[in-house]
Amino acid sequence: MDITFDKYQKRGAYHWKEYKRNTAYRKNALKIKEWVRPGRTLDIGAGDGLITSLLGAVGIDDNKVAVNLAREKKANVVYGDAYNLPFDVGEFDNVIMADVIEHLKRPEKALEEINRVLNDNGHLYIITPPKGGKMDKYHYREYSPEELIDFMKEMGFSSYADIDVRDDLKRMYGEFVLSK
């Protein structure tokens, strides 16, 4: 079953609105801004472009409404999907998927593409809600920290650091590198 992600149609550029207020989302966005290393960064699932803009990154999203909202905010977001990234081999130092992996029907395909566009010394940042309780209606899969690490190992990535689980932000933060 395909899941229709309609939050942007219903709520507009809601990340920008939440960022202006002192919300958990603002704290999450600021943590990401400080956490991601300098370098050419790709934001997969950029949505309305708030984090893309904070990082000075290139974003990609498969939701046309979200891409248009991002462009209205002057964020560098292009239309496309995680399964067929329109970028060159090794083009990025960093790839970020903030609240994205849980929405992917085929995360394996997306990670193959990330492997292709990430340079040999690059870092992959995954932010996702930790598994627990009732699963969100927009999610295909949720992960515990151990499940995320195991899945990433299967996909050719190793943990760069321990998964940081932040109960106050209802998210976990994982940094990965390509296994050598």
Protein backbone atom coordinates (compact mmCIF):
# COMPACT_ATOMS: atom_id res chain seq x y z
CA MET A 1 0.00 0.00 0.00
CA ASP A 2 1.29 3.45 -0.88
CA ILE A 3 1.03 6.19 1.71
CA THR A 4 0.05 9.67 0.55
CA PHE A 5 1.99 12.35 2.41
CA ASP A 6 -0.39 15.31 2.36
CA LYS A 7 0.88 17.44 5.24
CA TYR A 8 2.13 20.25 2.98
CA GLN A 9 -1.19 20.45 1.16
CA LYS A 10 -2.98 20.71 4.52
CA ARG A 11 -0.51 22.78 6.57
CA GLY A 12 1.64 24.74 4.11
CA ALA A 13 5.26 25.53 5.05
CA TYR A 14 4.72 24.29 8.59
CA HIS A 15 8.39 23.68 9.42
CA TRP A 16 9.12 27.38 8.92
CA LYS A 17 6.20 28.27 11.21
CA GLU A 18 7.36 25.86 13.90
CA TYR A 19 10.94 27.11 13.63
CA LYS A 20 9.84 30.69 14.38
CA ARG A 21 8.37 29.53 17.69
CA ASN A 22 10.28 27.85 20.52
CA THR A 23 9.12 24.33 19.62
CA ALA A 24 10.72 20.90 19.77
CA TYR A 25 11.03 21.14 15.98
CA ARG A 26 13.12 24.33 16.32
CA LYS A 27 15.40 22.56 18.82
CA ASN A 28 15.68 19.62 16.41
CA ALA A 29 16.54 21.90 13.47
CA LEU A 30 19.18 23.77 15.48
CA LYS A 31 20.73 20.47 16.65
CA ILE A 32 20.95 19.32 13.02
CA LYS A 33 22.51 22.63 11.96
CA GLU A 34 25.25 22.27 14.59
CA TRP A 35 25.72 18.52 14.05
CA VAL A 36 26.21 18.21 10.30
CA ARG A 37 29.81 18.68 9.19
CA PRO A 38 30.80 21.44 6.77
CA GLY A 39 30.84 20.49 3.11
CA ARG A 40 28.55 20.01 0.15
CA THR A 41 25.36 18.59 1.64
CA LEU A 42 22.31 16.90 0.12
CA ASP A 43 19.06 17.01 2.09
CA ILE A 44 16.85 14.11 0.94
CA GLY A 45 13.18 14.64 1.69
CA ALA A 46 13.76 18.36 2.11
CA GLY A 47 10.06 19.19 2.25
CA ASP A 48 9.49 22.91 2.62
CA GLY A 49 13.25 23.50 2.77
CA LEU A 50 13.78 24.80 6.32
CA ILE A 51 16.69 22.48 7.19
CA THR A 52 18.04 22.74 3.63
CA SER A 53 18.17 26.50 4.09
CA LEU A 54 19.79 26.32 7.55
CA LEU A 55 22.54 24.04 6.19
CA GLY A 56 23.07 25.92 2.91
CA ALA A 57 22.40 22.54 1.31
CA VAL A 58 20.84 21.23 -1.88
CA GLY A 59 17.49 19.61 -1.18
CA ILE A 60 15.34 17.14 -3.07
CA ASP A 61 11.73 16.15 -2.48
CA ASP A 62 9.07 14.23 -4.37
CA ASN A 63 6.19 16.41 -3.18
CA LYS A 64 5.56 19.20 -5.69
CA VAL A 65 3.67 21.33 -3.16
CA ALA A 66 6.59 21.09 -0.72
CA VAL A 67 9.13 21.97 -3.44
CA ASN A 68 7.11 25.04 -4.42
CA LEU A 69 6.86 26.11 -0.77
CA ALA A 70 10.63 25.68 -0.39
CA ARG A 71 11.30 27.74 -3.50
CA GLU A 72 9.00 30.51 -2.18
CA LYS A 73 11.29 30.56 0.90
CA LYS A 74 14.36 30.71 -1.41
CA ALA A 75 15.56 27.27 -0.32
CA ASN A 76 17.53 25.32 -2.95
CA VAL A 77 15.15 22.37 -3.33
CA VAL A 78 14.60 20.44 -6.55
CA TYR A 79 11.82 18.05 -7.49
CA GLY A 80 12.87 14.41 -7.58
CA ASP A 81 13.01 11.30 -5.45
CA ALA A 82 15.40 9.41 -3.23
CA TYR A 83 15.36 6.38 -5.53
CA ASN A 84 16.82 8.17 -8.58
CA LEU A 85 19.01 11.03 -7.39
CA PRO A 86 19.91 13.40 -10.26
CA PHE A 87 23.46 13.95 -8.99
CA ASP A 88 26.92 12.74 -9.92
CA VAL A 89 28.93 9.96 -8.31
CA GLY A 90 30.68 11.21 -5.16
CA GLU A 91 29.19 14.71 -5.47
CA PHE A 92 28.39 15.17 -1.76
CA ASP A 93 30.38 15.29 1.46
CA ASN A 94 27.21 14.82 3.52
CA VAL A 95 23.75 13.44 2.98
CA ILE A 96 20.99 14.04 5.47
CA MET A 97 17.64 12.32 5.81
CA ALA A 98 15.73 14.14 8.55
CA ASP A 99 12.45 12.40 9.32
CA VAL A 100 12.57 10.57 5.98
CA ILE A 101 13.73 6.95 6.23
CA GLU A 102 10.54 5.93 8.04
CA HIS A 103 8.49 7.28 5.10
CA LEU A 104 10.32 5.27 2.44
CA LYS A 105 8.66 2.20 0.99
CA ARG A 106 12.05 1.03 -0.36
CA PRO A 107 14.78 2.45 1.90
CA GLU A 108 17.28 -0.04 0.42
CA LYS A 109 17.00 1.63 -3.00
CA ALA A 110 17.43 5.10 -1.47
CA LEU A 111 20.54 3.96 0.41
CA GLU A 112 22.03 2.54 -2.80
CA GLU A 113 21.59 5.96 -4.38
CA ILE A 114 23.09 7.68 -1.34
CA ASN A 115 26.06 5.32 -1.55
CA ARG A 116 26.49 6.45 -5.17
CA VAL A 117 26.37 10.24 -4.57
CA LEU A 118 28.28 10.30 -1.27
CA ASN A 119 32.05 10.68 -1.59
CA ASP A 120 34.38 8.12 -0.01
CA ASN A 121 34.89 10.18 3.15
CA GLY A 122 31.28 11.35 3.35
CA HIS A 123 28.82 11.13 6.21
CA LEU A 124 25.17 10.12 6.20
CA TYR A 125 22.96 11.64 8.89
CA ILE A 126 19.67 9.95 9.72
CA ILE A 127 17.15 11.52 12.04
CA THR A 128 14.06 9.43 12.74
CA PRO A 129 11.56 8.89 15.53
CA PRO A 130 12.51 5.89 17.66
CA LYS A 131 10.27 2.85 17.44
CA GLY A 132 7.74 2.58 20.21
CA GLY A 133 4.03 2.76 20.69
CA LYS A 134 1.57 3.15 17.87
CA MET A 135 3.17 3.62 14.44
CA ASP A 136 2.47 6.91 12.65
CA LYS A 137 0.05 6.58 9.71
CA TYR A 138 2.62 8.14 7.36
CA HIS A 139 5.37 5.61 8.25
CA TYR A 140 6.24 2.37 6.49
CA ARG A 141 8.72 1.30 9.16
CA GLU A 142 10.10 2.57 12.44
CA TYR A 143 13.42 1.53 13.95
CA SER A 144 14.92 1.01 17.36
CA PRO A 145 18.55 2.24 17.59
CA GLU A 146 19.78 -1.36 17.27
CA GLU A 147 17.54 -2.06 14.27
CA LEU A 148 18.75 1.08 12.52
CA ILE A 149 22.41 0.18 13.08
CA ASP A 150 21.83 -3.40 11.85
CA PHE A 151 19.91 -2.21 8.78
CA MET A 152 22.61 0.32 7.92
CA LYS A 153 25.31 -2.38 8.25
CA GLU A 154 23.37 -4.55 5.79
CA MET A 155 23.36 -1.58 3.41
CA GLY A 156 27.14 -1.01 3.58
CA PHE A 157 27.31 1.72 6.23
CA SER A 158 28.83 1.66 9.68
CA SER A 159 28.04 3.84 12.68
CA TYR A 160 30.35 6.77 13.13
CA ALA A 161 29.10 7.34 16.68
CA ASP A 162 26.49 5.97 19.04
CA ILE A 163 22.88 6.66 18.15
CA ASP A 164 21.76 9.70 20.15
CA VAL A 165 18.20 9.10 21.37
CA ARG A 166 16.53 12.32 22.47
CA ASP A 167 13.26 11.62 24.25
CA ASP A 168 12.59 15.36 24.60
CA LEU A 169 12.67 15.73 20.79
CA LYS A 170 11.07 12.33 20.07
CA ARG A 171 13.89 11.55 17.67
CA MET A 172 17.10 9.62 17.35
CA TYR A 173 20.18 10.83 15.53
CA GLY A 174 22.53 8.48 13.72
CA GLU A 175 25.72 9.34 11.85
CA PHE A 176 27.06 6.77 9.39
CA VAL A 177 29.97 6.35 7.00
CA LEU A 178 30.48 3.95 4.13
CA SER A 179 32.06 0.71 5.33
CA LYS A 180 35.50 0.20 3.87
